[in-house]
Amino acid sequence: LFTPLYWIMMSAAAWRALFQLFTRPH
């Protein structure tokens, strides 16, 4: 039951990572 929400959380982390990759890469 929690898997879809867990994947949404992973998506949030992925978009946050993409943003940081160009703003604070290290």
mmCIF file of all heavy atoms, coordinates in Angstrom:
data_MODEL
# 
_entry.id   MODEL 
# 
loop_
_atom_site.group_PDB 
_atom_site.id 
_atom_site.type_symbol 
_atom_site.label_atom_id 
_atom_site.label_alt_id 
_atom_site.label_comp_id 
_atom_site.label_asym_id 
_atom_site.label_entity_id 
_atom_site.label_seq_id 
_atom_site.pdbx_PDB_ins_code 
_atom_site.Cartn_x 
_atom_site.Cartn_y 
_atom_site.Cartn_z 
_atom_site.occupancy 
_atom_site.B_iso_or_equiv 
_atom_site.pdbx_formal_charge 
_atom_site.auth_seq_id 
_atom_site.auth_comp_id 
_atom_site.auth_asym_id 
_atom_site.auth_atom_id 
_atom_site.pdbx_PDB_model_num 
ATOM 1   N N   . LEU A 1 1  ? 0.817  -1.218 0.000   1.00 0.00 ? 1  LEU A N   1 
ATOM 2   C CA  . LEU A 1 1  ? 0.000  0.000  0.000   1.00 0.00 ? 1  LEU A CA  1 
ATOM 3   C C   . LEU A 1 1  ? 0.849  1.266  0.000   1.00 0.00 ? 1  LEU A C   1 
ATOM 4   O O   . LEU A 1 1  ? 0.458  2.285  -0.587  1.00 0.00 ? 1  LEU A O   1 
ATOM 5   C CB  . LEU A 1 1  ? -0.927 -0.001 1.222   1.00 0.00 ? 1  LEU A CB  1 
ATOM 6   C CG  . LEU A 1 1  ? -2.053 -1.039 1.231   1.00 0.00 ? 1  LEU A CG  1 
ATOM 7   C CD1 . LEU A 1 1  ? -2.884 -0.919 2.497   1.00 0.00 ? 1  LEU A CD1 1 
ATOM 8   C CD2 . LEU A 1 1  ? -2.947 -0.884 -0.001  1.00 0.00 ? 1  LEU A CD2 1 
ATOM 9   N N   . PHE A 1 2  ? 2.008  1.220  0.649   1.00 0.00 ? 2  PHE A N   1 
ATOM 10  C CA  . PHE A 1 2  ? 2.821  2.431  0.784   1.00 0.00 ? 2  PHE A CA  1 
ATOM 11  C C   . PHE A 1 2  ? 3.744  2.651  -0.413  1.00 0.00 ? 2  PHE A C   1 
ATOM 12  O O   . PHE A 1 2  ? 4.296  3.739  -0.570  1.00 0.00 ? 2  PHE A O   1 
ATOM 13  C CB  . PHE A 1 2  ? 3.659  2.346  2.074   1.00 0.00 ? 2  PHE A CB  1 
ATOM 14  C CG  . PHE A 1 2  ? 4.235  3.662  2.513   1.00 0.00 ? 2  PHE A CG  1 
ATOM 15  C CD1 . PHE A 1 2  ? 3.434  4.616  3.105   1.00 0.00 ? 2  PHE A CD1 1 
ATOM 16  C CD2 . PHE A 1 2  ? 5.581  3.939  2.324   1.00 0.00 ? 2  PHE A CD2 1 
ATOM 17  C CE1 . PHE A 1 2  ? 3.961  5.836  3.517   1.00 0.00 ? 2  PHE A CE1 1 
ATOM 18  C CE2 . PHE A 1 2  ? 6.117  5.158  2.727   1.00 0.00 ? 2  PHE A CE2 1 
ATOM 19  C CZ  . PHE A 1 2  ? 5.302  6.113  3.330   1.00 0.00 ? 2  PHE A CZ  1 
ATOM 20  N N   . THR A 1 3  ? 3.898  1.641  -1.260  1.00 0.00 ? 3  THR A N   1 
ATOM 21  C CA  . THR A 1 3  ? 4.854  1.745  -2.365  1.00 0.00 ? 3  THR A CA  1 
ATOM 22  C C   . THR A 1 3  ? 4.605  2.946  -3.277  1.00 0.00 ? 3  THR A C   1 
ATOM 23  O O   . THR A 1 3  ? 5.553  3.670  -3.603  1.00 0.00 ? 3  THR A O   1 
ATOM 24  C CB  . THR A 1 3  ? 4.878  0.437  -3.174  1.00 0.00 ? 3  THR A CB  1 
ATOM 25  O OG1 . THR A 1 3  ? 5.448  -0.596 -2.359  1.00 0.00 ? 3  THR A OG1 1 
ATOM 26  C CG2 . THR A 1 3  ? 5.725  0.585  -4.442  1.00 0.00 ? 3  THR A CG2 1 
ATOM 27  N N   . PRO A 1 4  ? 3.373  3.230  -3.727  1.00 0.00 ? 4  PRO A N   1 
ATOM 28  C CA  . PRO A 1 4  ? 3.195  4.421  -4.583  1.00 0.00 ? 4  PRO A CA  1 
ATOM 29  C C   . PRO A 1 4  ? 3.656  5.711  -3.908  1.00 0.00 ? 4  PRO A C   1 
ATOM 30  O O   . PRO A 1 4  ? 4.302  6.552  -4.542  1.00 0.00 ? 4  PRO A O   1 
ATOM 31  C CB  . PRO A 1 4  ? 1.688  4.429  -4.852  1.00 0.00 ? 4  PRO A CB  1 
ATOM 32  C CG  . PRO A 1 4  ? 1.267  3.004  -4.705  1.00 0.00 ? 4  PRO A CG  1 
ATOM 33  C CD  . PRO A 1 4  ? 2.113  2.459  -3.601  1.00 0.00 ? 4  PRO A CD  1 
ATOM 34  N N   . LEU A 1 5  ? 3.345  5.878  -2.615  1.00 0.00 ? 5  LEU A N   1 
ATOM 35  C CA  . LEU A 1 5  ? 3.773  7.085  -1.908  1.00 0.00 ? 5  LEU A CA  1 
ATOM 36  C C   . LEU A 1 5  ? 5.294  7.109  -1.765  1.00 0.00 ? 5  LEU A C   1 
ATOM 37  O O   . LEU A 1 5  ? 5.920  8.174  -1.886  1.00 0.00 ? 5  LEU A O   1 
ATOM 38  C CB  . LEU A 1 5  ? 3.100  7.159  -0.539  1.00 0.00 ? 5  LEU A CB  1 
ATOM 39  C CG  . LEU A 1 5  ? 3.458  8.382  0.316   1.00 0.00 ? 5  LEU A CG  1 
ATOM 40  C CD1 . LEU A 1 5  ? 3.155  9.674  -0.434  1.00 0.00 ? 5  LEU A CD1 1 
ATOM 41  C CD2 . LEU A 1 5  ? 2.712  8.344  1.651   1.00 0.00 ? 5  LEU A CD2 1 
ATOM 42  N N   . TYR A 1 6  ? 5.893  5.932  -1.519  1.00 0.00 ? 6  TYR A N   1 
ATOM 43  C CA  . TYR A 1 6  ? 7.348  5.862  -1.392  1.00 0.00 ? 6  TYR A CA  1 
ATOM 44  C C   . TYR A 1 6  ? 8.017  6.270  -2.706  1.00 0.00 ? 6  TYR A C   1 
ATOM 45  O O   . TYR A 1 6  ? 9.029  6.972  -2.712  1.00 0.00 ? 6  TYR A O   1 
ATOM 46  C CB  . TYR A 1 6  ? 7.755  4.435  -1.002  1.00 0.00 ? 6  TYR A CB  1 
ATOM 47  C CG  . TYR A 1 6  ? 9.193  4.294  -0.524  1.00 0.00 ? 6  TYR A CG  1 
ATOM 48  C CD1 . TYR A 1 6  ? 9.594  4.872  0.670   1.00 0.00 ? 6  TYR A CD1 1 
ATOM 49  C CD2 . TYR A 1 6  ? 10.122 3.570  -1.261  1.00 0.00 ? 6  TYR A CD2 1 
ATOM 50  C CE1 . TYR A 1 6  ? 10.902 4.733  1.130   1.00 0.00 ? 6  TYR A CE1 1 
ATOM 51  C CE2 . TYR A 1 6  ? 11.425 3.427  -0.813  1.00 0.00 ? 6  TYR A CE2 1 
ATOM 52  C CZ  . TYR A 1 6  ? 11.809 4.004  0.381   1.00 0.00 ? 6  TYR A CZ  1 
ATOM 53  O OH  . TYR A 1 6  ? 13.102 3.869  0.822   1.00 0.00 ? 6  TYR A OH  1 
ATOM 54  N N   . TRP A 1 7  ? 7.440  5.857  -3.809  1.00 0.00 ? 7  TRP A N   1 
ATOM 55  C CA  . TRP A 1 7  ? 7.993  6.249  -5.111  1.00 0.00 ? 7  TRP A CA  1 
ATOM 56  C C   . TRP A 1 7  ? 7.787  7.742  -5.376  1.00 0.00 ? 7  TRP A C   1 
ATOM 57  O O   . TRP A 1 7  ? 8.632  8.374  -6.023  1.00 0.00 ? 7  TRP A O   1 
ATOM 58  C CB  . TRP A 1 7  ? 7.357  5.397  -6.210  1.00 0.00 ? 7  TRP A CB  1 
ATOM 59  C CG  . TRP A 1 7  ? 7.989  4.044  -6.339  1.00 0.00 ? 7  TRP A CG  1 
ATOM 60  C CD1 . TRP A 1 7  ? 8.425  3.241  -5.322  1.00 0.00 ? 7  TRP A CD1 1 
ATOM 61  C CD2 . TRP A 1 7  ? 8.254  3.334  -7.552  1.00 0.00 ? 7  TRP A CD2 1 
ATOM 62  N NE1 . TRP A 1 7  ? 8.928  2.075  -5.820  1.00 0.00 ? 7  TRP A NE1 1 
ATOM 63  C CE2 . TRP A 1 7  ? 8.840  2.098  -7.197  1.00 0.00 ? 7  TRP A CE2 1 
ATOM 64  C CE3 . TRP A 1 7  ? 8.035  3.604  -8.888  1.00 0.00 ? 7  TRP A CE3 1 
ATOM 65  C CZ2 . TRP A 1 7  ? 9.226  1.155  -8.132  1.00 0.00 ? 7  TRP A CZ2 1 
ATOM 66  C CZ3 . TRP A 1 7  ? 8.415  2.649  -9.841  1.00 0.00 ? 7  TRP A CZ3 1 
ATOM 67  C CH2 . TRP A 1 7  ? 9.007  1.451  -9.464  1.00 0.00 ? 7  TRP A CH2 1 
ATOM 68  N N   . ILE A 1 8  ? 6.699  8.294  -4.889  1.00 0.00 ? 8  ILE A N   1 
ATOM 69  C CA  . ILE A 1 8  ? 6.502  9.746  -5.005  1.00 0.00 ? 8  ILE A CA  1 
ATOM 70  C C   . ILE A 1 8  ? 7.590  10.468 -4.206  1.00 0.00 ? 8  ILE A C   1 
ATOM 71  O O   . ILE A 1 8  ? 8.138  11.495 -4.649  1.00 0.00 ? 8  ILE A O   1 
ATOM 72  C CB  . ILE A 1 8  ? 5.102  10.143 -4.502  1.00 0.00 ? 8  ILE A CB  1 
ATOM 73  C CG1 . ILE A 1 8  ? 4.043  9.726  -5.525  1.00 0.00 ? 8  ILE A CG1 1 
ATOM 74  C CG2 . ILE A 1 8  ? 5.018  11.639 -4.244  1.00 0.00 ? 8  ILE A CG2 1 
ATOM 75  C CD1 . ILE A 1 8  ? 4.086  10.517 -6.824  1.00 0.00 ? 8  ILE A CD1 1 
ATOM 76  N N   . MET A 1 9  ? 7.919  9.953  -3.029  1.00 0.00 ? 9  MET A N   1 
ATOM 77  C CA  . MET A 1 9  ? 8.998  10.541 -2.226  1.00 0.00 ? 9  MET A CA  1 
ATOM 78  C C   . MET A 1 9  ? 10.330 10.455 -2.975  1.00 0.00 ? 9  MET A C   1 
ATOM 79  O O   . MET A 1 9  ? 11.125 11.408 -2.958  1.00 0.00 ? 9  MET A O   1 
ATOM 80  C CB  . MET A 1 9  ? 9.097  9.828  -0.877  1.00 0.00 ? 9  MET A CB  1 
ATOM 81  C CG  . MET A 1 9  ? 7.908  10.066 0.041   1.00 0.00 ? 9  MET A CG  1 
ATOM 82  S SD  . MET A 1 9  ? 7.985  9.072  1.558   1.00 0.00 ? 9  MET A SD  1 
ATOM 83  C CE  . MET A 1 9  ? 9.452  9.734  2.333   1.00 0.00 ? 9  MET A CE  1 
ATOM 84  N N   . MET A 1 10 ? 10.570 9.336  -3.644  1.00 0.00 ? 10 MET A N   1 
ATOM 85  C CA  . MET A 1 10 ? 11.795 9.214  -4.432  1.00 0.00 ? 10 MET A CA  1 
ATOM 86  C C   . MET A 1 10 ? 11.803 10.216 -5.582  1.00 0.00 ? 10 MET A C   1 
ATOM 87  O O   . MET A 1 10 ? 12.852 10.767 -5.930  1.00 0.00 ? 10 MET A O   1 
ATOM 88  C CB  . MET A 1 10 ? 11.958 7.781  -4.955  1.00 0.00 ? 10 MET A CB  1 
ATOM 89  C CG  . MET A 1 10 ? 12.433 6.802  -3.900  1.00 0.00 ? 10 MET A CG  1 
ATOM 90  S SD  . MET A 1 10 ? 13.004 5.230  -4.568  1.00 0.00 ? 10 MET A SD  1 
ATOM 91  C CE  . MET A 1 10 ? 11.465 4.396  -4.837  1.00 0.00 ? 10 MET A CE  1 
ATOM 92  N N   . SER A 1 11 ? 10.639 10.460 -6.153  1.00 0.00 ? 11 SER A N   1 
ATOM 93  C CA  . SER A 1 11 ? 10.552 11.452 -7.230  1.00 0.00 ? 11 SER A CA  1 
ATOM 94  C C   . SER A 1 11 ? 10.866 12.849 -6.703  1.00 0.00 ? 11 SER A C   1 
ATOM 95  O O   . SER A 1 11 ? 11.562 13.630 -7.359  1.00 0.00 ? 11 SER A O   1 
ATOM 96  C CB  . SER A 1 11 ? 9.155  11.429 -7.853  1.00 0.00 ? 11 SER A CB  1 
ATOM 97  O OG  . SER A 1 11 ? 8.895  10.180 -8.461  1.00 0.00 ? 11 SER A OG  1 
ATOM 98  N N   . ALA A 1 12 ? 10.361 13.159 -5.504  1.00 0.00 ? 12 ALA A N   1 
ATOM 99  C CA  . ALA A 1 12 ? 10.660 14.463 -4.906  1.00 0.00 ? 12 ALA A CA  1 
ATOM 100 C C   . ALA A 1 12 ? 12.158 14.611 -4.676  1.00 0.00 ? 12 ALA A C   1 
ATOM 101 O O   . ALA A 1 12 ? 12.746 15.673 -4.937  1.00 0.00 ? 12 ALA A O   1 
ATOM 102 C CB  . ALA A 1 12 ? 9.895  14.620 -3.591  1.00 0.00 ? 12 ALA A CB  1 
ATOM 103 N N   . ALA A 1 13 ? 12.786 13.538 -4.190  1.00 0.00 ? 13 ALA A N   1 
ATOM 104 C CA  . ALA A 1 13 ? 14.236 13.576 -3.977  1.00 0.00 ? 13 ALA A CA  1 
ATOM 105 C C   . ALA A 1 13 ? 14.976 13.731 -5.299  1.00 0.00 ? 13 ALA A C   1 
ATOM 106 O O   . ALA A 1 13 ? 15.996 14.429 -5.373  1.00 0.00 ? 13 ALA A O   1 
ATOM 107 C CB  . ALA A 1 13 ? 14.688 12.299 -3.259  1.00 0.00 ? 13 ALA A CB  1 
ATOM 108 N N   . ALA A 1 14 ? 14.474 13.089 -6.364  1.00 0.00 ? 14 ALA A N   1 
ATOM 109 C CA  . ALA A 1 14 ? 15.132 13.180 -7.671  1.00 0.00 ? 14 ALA A CA  1 
ATOM 110 C C   . ALA A 1 14 ? 15.066 14.604 -8.220  1.00 0.00 ? 14 ALA A C   1 
ATOM 111 O O   . ALA A 1 14 ? 16.063 15.124 -8.748  1.00 0.00 ? 14 ALA A O   1 
ATOM 112 C CB  . ALA A 1 14 ? 14.485 12.206 -8.647  1.00 0.00 ? 14 ALA A CB  1 
ATOM 113 N N   . TRP A 1 15 ? 13.895 15.241 -8.130  1.00 0.00 ? 15 TRP A N   1 
ATOM 114 C CA  . TRP A 1 15 ? 13.788 16.620 -8.610  1.00 0.00 ? 15 TRP A CA  1 
ATOM 115 C C   . TRP A 1 15 ? 14.620 17.575 -7.759  1.00 0.00 ? 15 TRP A C   1 
ATOM 116 O O   . TRP A 1 15 ? 15.244 18.512 -8.271  1.00 0.00 ? 15 TRP A O   1 
ATOM 117 C CB  . TRP A 1 15 ? 12.321 17.056 -8.632  1.00 0.00 ? 15 TRP A CB  1 
ATOM 118 C CG  . TRP A 1 15 ? 11.596 16.505 -9.824  1.00 0.00 ? 15 TRP A CG  1 
ATOM 119 C CD1 . TRP A 1 15 ? 10.737 15.442 -9.849  1.00 0.00 ? 15 TRP A CD1 1 
ATOM 120 C CD2 . TRP A 1 15 ? 11.700 16.975 -11.165 1.00 0.00 ? 15 TRP A CD2 1 
ATOM 121 N NE1 . TRP A 1 15 ? 10.299 15.207 -11.131 1.00 0.00 ? 15 TRP A NE1 1 
ATOM 122 C CE2 . TRP A 1 15 ? 10.863 16.143 -11.964 1.00 0.00 ? 15 TRP A CE2 1 
ATOM 123 C CE3 . TRP A 1 15 ? 12.404 17.997 -11.783 1.00 0.00 ? 15 TRP A CE3 1 
ATOM 124 C CZ2 . TRP A 1 15 ? 10.724 16.313 -13.335 1.00 0.00 ? 15 TRP A CZ2 1 
ATOM 125 C CZ3 . TRP A 1 15 ? 12.266 18.184 -13.149 1.00 0.00 ? 15 TRP A CZ3 1 
ATOM 126 C CH2 . TRP A 1 15 ? 11.436 17.361 -13.906 1.00 0.00 ? 15 TRP A CH2 1 
ATOM 127 N N   . ARG A 1 16 ? 14.662 17.315 -6.471  1.00 0.00 ? 16 ARG A N   1 
ATOM 128 C CA  . ARG A 1 16 ? 15.511 18.130 -5.580  1.00 0.00 ? 16 ARG A CA  1 
ATOM 129 C C   . ARG A 1 16 ? 16.984 17.933 -5.929  1.00 0.00 ? 16 ARG A C   1 
ATOM 130 O O   . ARG A 1 16 ? 17.777 18.883 -5.915  1.00 0.00 ? 16 ARG A O   1 
ATOM 131 C CB  . ARG A 1 16 ? 15.225 17.728 -4.132  1.00 0.00 ? 16 ARG A CB  1 
ATOM 132 C CG  . ARG A 1 16 ? 15.802 18.651 -3.083  1.00 0.00 ? 16 ARG A CG  1 
ATOM 133 C CD  . ARG A 1 16 ? 15.212 18.328 -1.712  1.00 0.00 ? 16 ARG A CD  1 
ATOM 134 N NE  . ARG A 1 16 ? 15.768 19.204 -0.688  1.00 0.00 ? 16 ARG A NE  1 
ATOM 135 C CZ  . ARG A 1 16 ? 16.827 18.911 0.053   1.00 0.00 ? 16 ARG A CZ  1 
ATOM 136 N NH1 . ARG A 1 16 ? 17.433 17.740 -0.112  1.00 0.00 ? 16 ARG A NH1 1 
ATOM 137 N NH2 . ARG A 1 16 ? 17.286 19.745 0.958   1.00 0.00 ? 16 ARG A NH2 1 
ATOM 138 N N   . ALA A 1 17 ? 17.370 16.689 -6.242  1.00 0.00 ? 17 ALA A N   1 
ATOM 139 C CA  . ALA A 1 17 ? 18.758 16.403 -6.625  1.00 0.00 ? 17 ALA A CA  1 
ATOM 140 C C   . ALA A 1 17 ? 19.114 17.120 -7.928  1.00 0.00 ? 17 ALA A C   1 
ATOM 141 O O   . ALA A 1 17 ? 20.221 17.659 -8.075  1.00 0.00 ? 17 ALA A O   1 
ATOM 142 C CB  . ALA A 1 17 ? 18.955 14.892 -6.779  1.00 0.00 ? 17 ALA A CB  1 
ATOM 143 N N   . LEU A 1 18 ? 18.183 17.109 -8.887  1.00 0.00 ? 18 LEU A N   1 
ATOM 144 C CA  . LEU A 1 18 ? 18.431 17.779 -10.165 1.00 0.00 ? 18 LEU A CA  1 
ATOM 145 C C   . LEU A 1 18 ? 18.639 19.280 -9.958  1.00 0.00 ? 18 LEU A C   1 
ATOM 146 O O   . LEU A 1 18 ? 19.529 19.889 -10.577 1.00 0.00 ? 18 LEU A O   1 
ATOM 147 C CB  . LEU A 1 18 ? 17.261 17.527 -11.110 1.00 0.00 ? 18 LEU A CB  1 
ATOM 148 C CG  . LEU A 1 18 ? 17.447 17.989 -12.556 1.00 0.00 ? 18 LEU A CG  1 
ATOM 149 C CD1 . LEU A 1 18 ? 18.578 17.230 -13.233 1.00 0.00 ? 18 LEU A CD1 1 
ATOM 150 C CD2 . LEU A 1 18 ? 16.144 17.811 -13.336 1.00 0.00 ? 18 LEU A CD2 1 
ATOM 151 N N   . PHE A 1 19 ? 17.831 19.861 -9.080  1.00 0.00 ? 19 PHE A N   1 
ATOM 152 C CA  . PHE A 1 19 ? 17.982 21.293 -8.789  1.00 0.00 ? 19 PHE A CA  1 
ATOM 153 C C   . PHE A 1 19 ? 19.348 21.565 -8.138  1.00 0.00 ? 19 PHE A C   1 
ATOM 154 O O   . PHE A 1 19 ? 20.057 22.502 -8.526  1.00 0.00 ? 19 PHE A O   1 
ATOM 155 C CB  . PHE A 1 19 ? 16.840 21.746 -7.869  1.00 0.00 ? 19 PHE A CB  1 
ATOM 156 C CG  . PHE A 1 19 ? 16.952 23.179 -7.433  1.00 0.00 ? 19 PHE A CG  1 
ATOM 157 C CD1 . PHE A 1 19 ? 16.645 24.213 -8.305  1.00 0.00 ? 19 PHE A CD1 1 
ATOM 158 C CD2 . PHE A 1 19 ? 17.374 23.490 -6.150  1.00 0.00 ? 19 PHE A CD2 1 
ATOM 159 C CE1 . PHE A 1 19 ? 16.753 25.540 -7.902  1.00 0.00 ? 19 PHE A CE1 1 
ATOM 160 C CE2 . PHE A 1 19 ? 17.490 24.810 -5.742  1.00 0.00 ? 19 PHE A CE2 1 
ATOM 161 C CZ  . PHE A 1 19 ? 17.177 25.841 -6.618  1.00 0.00 ? 19 PHE A CZ  1 
ATOM 162 N N   . GLN A 1 20 ? 19.716 20.739 -7.156  1.00 0.00 ? 20 GLN A N   1 
ATOM 163 C CA  . GLN A 1 20 ? 20.995 20.943 -6.468  1.00 0.00 ? 20 GLN A CA  1 
ATOM 164 C C   . GLN A 1 20 ? 22.183 20.678 -7.385  1.00 0.00 ? 20 GLN A C   1 
ATOM 165 O O   . GLN A 1 20 ? 23.259 21.250 -7.184  1.00 0.00 ? 20 GLN A O   1 
ATOM 166 C CB  . GLN A 1 20 ? 21.092 20.048 -5.233  1.00 0.00 ? 20 GLN A CB  1 
ATOM 167 C CG  . GLN A 1 20 ? 20.295 20.522 -4.045  1.00 0.00 ? 20 GLN A CG  1 
ATOM 168 C CD  . GLN A 1 20 ? 20.707 19.817 -2.766  1.00 0.00 ? 20 GLN A CD  1 
ATOM 169 O OE1 . GLN A 1 20 ? 21.671 19.061 -2.712  1.00 0.00 ? 20 GLN A OE1 1 
ATOM 170 N NE2 . GLN A 1 20 ? 19.954 20.063 -1.694  1.00 0.00 ? 20 GLN A NE2 1 
ATOM 171 N N   . LEU A 1 21 ? 22.010 19.814 -8.363  1.00 0.00 ? 21 LEU A N   1 
ATOM 172 C CA  . LEU A 1 21 ? 23.107 19.491 -9.268  1.00 0.00 ? 21 LEU A CA  1 
ATOM 173 C C   . LEU A 1 21 ? 23.637 20.746 -9.961  1.00 0.00 ? 21 LEU A C   1 
ATOM 174 O O   . LEU A 1 21 ? 24.836 20.848 -10.242 1.00 0.00 ? 21 LEU A O   1 
ATOM 175 C CB  . LEU A 1 21 ? 22.636 18.466 -10.302 1.00 0.00 ? 21 LEU A CB  1 
ATOM 176 C CG  . LEU A 1 21 ? 23.696 17.915 -11.266 1.00 0.00 ? 21 LEU A CG  1 
ATOM 177 C CD1 . LEU A 1 21 ? 24.733 17.096 -10.515 1.00 0.00 ? 21 LEU A CD1 1 
ATOM 178 C CD2 . LEU A 1 21 ? 23.028 17.065 -12.343 1.00 0.00 ? 21 LEU A CD2 1 
ATOM 179 N N   . PHE A 1 22 ? 22.760 21.698 -10.202 1.00 0.00 ? 22 PHE A N   1 
ATOM 180 C CA  . PHE A 1 22 ? 23.162 22.923 -10.903 1.00 0.00 ? 22 PHE A CA  1 
ATOM 181 C C   . PHE A 1 22 ? 23.343 24.111 -9.957  1.00 0.00 ? 22 PHE A C   1 
ATOM 182 O O   . PHE A 1 22 ? 23.932 25.113 -10.347 1.00 0.00 ? 22 PHE A O   1 
ATOM 183 C CB  . PHE A 1 22 ? 22.143 23.254 -11.994 1.00 0.00 ? 22 PHE A CB  1 
ATOM 184 C CG  . PHE A 1 22 ? 22.134 22.237 -13.093 1.00 0.00 ? 22 PHE A CG  1 
ATOM 185 C CD1 . PHE A 1 22 ? 21.171 21.243 -13.131 1.00 0.00 ? 22 PHE A CD1 1 
ATOM 186 C CD2 . PHE A 1 22 ? 23.104 22.252 -14.083 1.00 0.00 ? 22 PHE A CD2 1 
ATOM 187 C CE1 . PHE A 1 22 ? 21.164 20.285 -14.138 1.00 0.00 ? 22 PHE A CE1 1 
ATOM 188 C CE2 . PHE A 1 22 ? 23.108 21.303 -15.092 1.00 0.00 ? 22 PHE A CE2 1 
ATOM 189 C CZ  . PHE A 1 22 ? 22.146 20.317 -15.124 1.00 0.00 ? 22 PHE A CZ  1 
ATOM 190 N N   . THR A 1 23 ? 22.825 24.005 -8.745  1.00 0.00 ? 23 THR A N   1 
ATOM 191 C CA  . THR A 1 23 ? 22.962 25.120 -7.808  1.00 0.00 ? 23 THR A CA  1 
ATOM 192 C C   . THR A 1 23 ? 24.007 24.853 -6.727  1.00 0.00 ? 23 THR A C   1 
ATOM 193 O O   . THR A 1 23 ? 24.751 25.760 -6.344  1.00 0.00 ? 23 THR A O   1 
ATOM 194 C CB  . THR A 1 23 ? 21.611 25.432 -7.140  1.00 0.00 ? 23 THR A CB  1 
ATOM 195 O OG1 . THR A 1 23 ? 21.133 24.266 -6.443  1.00 0.00 ? 23 THR A OG1 1 
ATOM 196 C CG2 . THR A 1 23 ? 20.586 25.872 -8.179  1.00 0.00 ? 23 THR A CG2 1 
ATOM 197 N N   . ARG A 1 24 ? 24.065 23.624 -6.216  1.00 0.00 ? 24 ARG A N   1 
ATOM 198 C CA  . ARG A 1 24 ? 25.021 23.267 -5.156  1.00 0.00 ? 24 ARG A CA  1 
ATOM 199 C C   . ARG A 1 24 ? 25.557 21.858 -5.431  1.00 0.00 ? 24 ARG A C   1 
ATOM 200 O O   . ARG A 1 24 ? 25.292 20.919 -4.676  1.00 0.00 ? 24 ARG A O   1 
ATOM 201 C CB  . ARG A 1 24 ? 24.349 23.320 -3.782  1.00 0.00 ? 24 ARG A CB  1 
ATOM 202 C CG  . ARG A 1 24 ? 23.636 24.620 -3.488  1.00 0.00 ? 24 ARG A CG  1 
ATOM 203 C CD  . ARG A 1 24 ? 22.886 24.557 -2.172  1.00 0.00 ? 24 ARG A CD  1 
ATOM 204 N NE  . ARG A 1 24 ? 23.773 24.631 -1.014  1.00 0.00 ? 24 ARG A NE  1 
ATOM 205 C CZ  . ARG A 1 24 ? 23.374 24.458 0.249   1.00 0.00 ? 24 ARG A CZ  1 
ATOM 206 N NH1 . ARG A 1 24 ? 22.105 24.174 0.504   1.00 0.00 ? 24 ARG A NH1 1 
ATOM 207 N NH2 . ARG A 1 24 ? 24.234 24.556 1.241   1.00 0.00 ? 24 ARG A NH2 1 
ATOM 208 N N   . PRO A 1 25 ? 26.308 21.669 -6.506  1.00 0.00 ? 25 PRO A N   1 
ATOM 209 C CA  . PRO A 1 25 ? 26.682 20.310 -6.927  1.00 0.00 ? 25 PRO A CA  1 
ATOM 210 C C   . PRO A 1 25 ? 27.531 19.550 -5.915  1.00 0.00 ? 25 PRO A C   1 
ATOM 211 O O   . PRO A 1 25 ? 27.443 18.320 -5.855  1.00 0.00 ? 25 PRO A O   1 
ATOM 212 C CB  . PRO A 1 25 ? 27.454 20.546 -8.231  1.00 0.00 ? 25 PRO A CB  1 
ATOM 213 C CG  . PRO A 1 25 ? 27.930 21.957 -8.155  1.00 0.00 ? 25 PRO A CG  1 
ATOM 214 C CD  . PRO A 1 25 ? 26.858 22.694 -7.411  1.00 0.00 ? 25 PRO A CD  1 
ATOM 215 N N   . HIS A 1 26 ? 28.360 20.244 -5.131  1.00 0.00 ? 26 HIS A N   1 
ATOM 216 C CA  . HIS A 1 26 ? 29.268 19.551 -4.216  1.00 0.00 ? 26 HIS A CA  1 
ATOM 217 C C   . HIS A 1 26 ? 28.846 19.666 -2.755  1.00 0.00 ? 26 HIS A C   1 
ATOM 218 O O   . HIS A 1 26 ? 29.610 19.313 -1.861  1.00 0.00 ? 26 HIS A O   1 
ATOM 219 C CB  . HIS A 1 26 ? 30.693 20.095 -4.397  1.00 0.00 ? 26 HIS A CB  1 
ATOM 220 C CG  . HIS A 1 26 ? 31.166 20.041 -5.815  1.00 0.00 ? 26 HIS A CG  1 
ATOM 221 N ND1 . HIS A 1 26 ? 31.650 21.145 -6.480  1.00 0.00 ? 26 HIS A ND1 1 
ATOM 222 C CD2 . HIS A 1 26 ? 31.179 19.023 -6.722  1.00 0.00 ? 26 HIS A CD2 1 
ATOM 223 C CE1 . HIS A 1 26 ? 31.961 20.812 -7.720  1.00 0.00 ? 26 HIS A CE1 1 
ATOM 224 N NE2 . HIS A 1 26 ? 31.679 19.532 -7.896  1.00 0.00 ? 26 HIS A NE2 1 
# 
